[in-house]
C-alpha atoms as a PDB file:
ATOM      1  CA  MET A   1      15.862  40.328  22.972  1.00  0.00           C
ATOM      2  CA  SER A   2      15.652  39.120  26.220  1.00  0.00           C
ATOM      3  CA  ASN A   3      17.500  35.686  26.980  1.00  0.00           C
ATOM      4  CA  GLN A   4      14.214  34.067  27.071  1.00  0.00           C
ATOM      5  CA  ALA A   5      13.497  34.710  23.615  1.00  0.00           C
ATOM      6  CA  LYS A   6      16.987  33.509  22.882  1.00  0.00           C
ATOM      7  CA  VAL A   7      16.547  30.425  24.366  1.00  0.00           C
ATOM      8  CA  VAL A   8      13.237  29.736  22.419  1.00  0.00           C
ATOM      9  CA  LEU A   9      14.494  30.575  19.458  1.00  0.00           C
ATOM     10  CA  ALA A  10      17.658  28.600  19.340  1.00  0.00           C
ATOM     11  CA  SER A  11      15.785  25.706  20.424  1.00  0.00           C
ATOM     12  CA  ALA A  12      13.433  25.863  17.761  1.00  0.00           C
ATOM     13  CA  CYS A  13      16.085  25.957  15.082  1.00  0.00           C
ATOM     14  CA  VAL A  14      17.742  22.772  16.732  1.00  0.00           C
ATOM     15  CA  PHE A  15      14.482  21.482  16.861  1.00  0.00           C
ATOM     16  CA  SER A  16      13.706  22.252  12.933  1.00  0.00           C
ATOM     17  CA  LEU A  17      17.397  20.842  11.979  1.00  0.00           C
ATOM     18  CA  GLY A  18      17.002  17.718  13.807  1.00  0.00           C
ATOM     19  CA  ILE A  19      13.762  17.053  11.613  1.00  0.00           C
ATOM     20  CA  ILE A  20      15.516  18.059   8.900  1.00  0.00           C
ATOM     21  CA  GLY A  21      18.512  15.881   9.135  1.00  0.00           C
ATOM     22  CA  TYR A  22      16.119  13.025  10.158  1.00  0.00           C
ATOM     23  CA  VAL A  23      13.945  13.368   7.256  1.00  0.00           C
ATOM     24  CA  HIS A  24      17.179  13.312   5.103  1.00  0.00           C
ATOM     25  CA  TYR A  25      18.508  10.194   7.071  1.00  0.00           C
ATOM     26  CA  LYS A  26      15.050   8.529   6.321  1.00  0.00           C
ATOM     27  CA  GLN A  27      15.093   8.952   2.464  1.00  0.00           C
ATOM     28  CA  HIS A  28      18.412   7.967   1.905  1.00  0.00           C
ATOM     29  CA  LEU A  29      17.688   4.895   4.050  1.00  0.00           C
ATOM     30  CA  ASP A  30      14.501   4.417   2.212  1.00  0.00           C
ATOM     31  CA  ARG A  31      16.115   5.036  -0.970  1.00  0.00           C
ATOM     32  CA  ASN A  32      18.747   2.291  -0.272  1.00  0.00           C
ATOM     33  CA  GLN A  33      16.368  -0.540   1.067  1.00  0.00           C
ATOM     34  CA  LEU A  34      13.908   0.290  -2.320  1.00  0.00           C
ATOM     35  CA  HIS A  35      17.873  -0.625  -4.213  1.00  0.00           C
ATOM     36  CA  SER A  36      18.093  -3.656  -2.189  1.00  0.00           C
ATOM     37  CA  GLY A  37      14.849  -4.947  -2.896  1.00  0.00           C
ATOM     38  CA  VAL A  38      15.428  -4.581  -6.907  1.00  0.00           C
ATOM     39  CA  LEU A  39      18.807  -6.524  -6.619  1.00  0.00           C
ATOM     40  CA  LYS A  40      16.940  -9.266  -4.674  1.00  0.00           C
ATOM     41  CA  ASP A  41      14.142  -9.506  -7.294  1.00  0.00           C
ATOM     42  CA  ILE A  42      16.776  -9.530  -9.939  1.00  0.00           C
ATOM     43  CA  GLU A  43      18.617 -12.478  -7.783  1.00  0.00           C
ATOM     44  CA  ARG A  44      15.385 -14.280  -7.391  1.00  0.00           C
ATOM     45  CA  ARG A  45      14.692 -13.930 -11.563  1.00  0.00           C
ATOM     46  CA  GLN A  46      17.920 -15.344 -12.298  1.00  0.00           C
ATOM     47  CA  ARG A  47      17.654 -18.332  -9.792  1.00  0.00           C
ATOM     48  CA  ARG A  48      14.089 -18.953 -11.262  1.00  0.00           C
ATOM     49  CA  LYS A  49      15.547 -18.933 -14.508  1.00  0.00           C
ATOM     50  CA  ALA A  50      18.576 -21.394 -13.571  1.00  0.00           C
ATOM     51  CA  GLU A  51      15.948 -23.745 -12.280  1.00  0.00           C
ATOM     52  CA  ASN A  52      13.470 -23.980 -15.486  1.00  0.00           C
ATOM     53  CA  LEU A  53      16.545 -24.442 -17.422  1.00  0.00           C
ATOM     54  CA  PHE A  54      17.921 -27.350 -15.328  1.00  0.00           C
ATOM     55  CA  VAL A  55      14.246 -28.755 -15.298  1.00  0.00           C
ATOM     56  CA  LEU A  56      13.898 -27.956 -19.180  1.00  0.00           C
ATOM     57  CA  GLN A  57      17.394 -30.005 -19.488  1.00  0.00           C
ATOM     58  CA  GLN A  58      16.133 -33.173 -17.582  1.00  0.00           C
ATOM     59  CA  GLN A  59      12.875 -32.918 -19.693  1.00  0.00           C
ATOM     60  CA  ILE A  60      14.910 -33.222 -22.905  1.00  0.00           C
ATOM     61  CA  ASP A  61      17.222 -35.829 -21.405  1.00  0.00           C
ATOM     62  CA  LEU A  62      14.332 -37.680 -20.409  1.00  0.00           C
ATOM     63  CA  ALA A  63      12.435 -36.974 -24.392  1.00  0.00           C
ATOM     64  CA  LYS A  64      15.346 -38.405 -25.059  1.00  0.00           C
ATOM     65  CA  GLU A  65      15.572 -41.640 -23.263  1.00  0.00           C
ATOM     66  CA  LEU A  66      12.256 -42.223 -24.259  1.00  0.00           C
ATOM     67  CA  LYS A  67      12.614 -42.246 -27.824  1.00  0.00           C
ATOM     68  CA  LYS A  68      15.564 -44.599 -27.339  1.00  0.00           C
ATOM     69  CA  GLU A  69      12.883 -47.144 -25.569  1.00  0.00           C
ATOM     70  CA  PRO A  70      11.361 -48.444 -29.096  1.00  0.00           C
ATOM     71  CA  GLU A  71      14.314 -48.400 -30.405  1.00  0.00           C
ATOM     72  CA  LEU A  72      15.866 -51.190 -28.104  1.00  0.00           C
ATOM     73  CA  ASN A  73      12.477 -53.002 -27.780  1.00  0.00           C
ATOM     74  CA  ARG A  74      12.497 -53.584 -31.631  1.00  0.00           C
ATOM     75  CA  THR A  75      15.244 -55.128 -31.661  1.00  0.00           C
END
C-alpha cells in the first residue's frame, strides 16, 4: 500500500471518528436541553398552582368580609 493511500485511509478514519464523536456529543447536549425543559415546565406549573391558591385564598377572605357586612349593617 502506498503512502498516499495510507494517508487517505487515516484521514477518512479520523474524519469518520470525528463525525461519530460530534453526533454523540450533540445527542447528549439535546437530551440535557430536553430534560431542563421538563424541569422548567414543572417549576412553571408549581408557580401557577401557588398563584392560583393565593388568588383563591384572597377570594375566600373577600367573601367572608362581604358576608360580615350585612351583619354589621343590620345592628
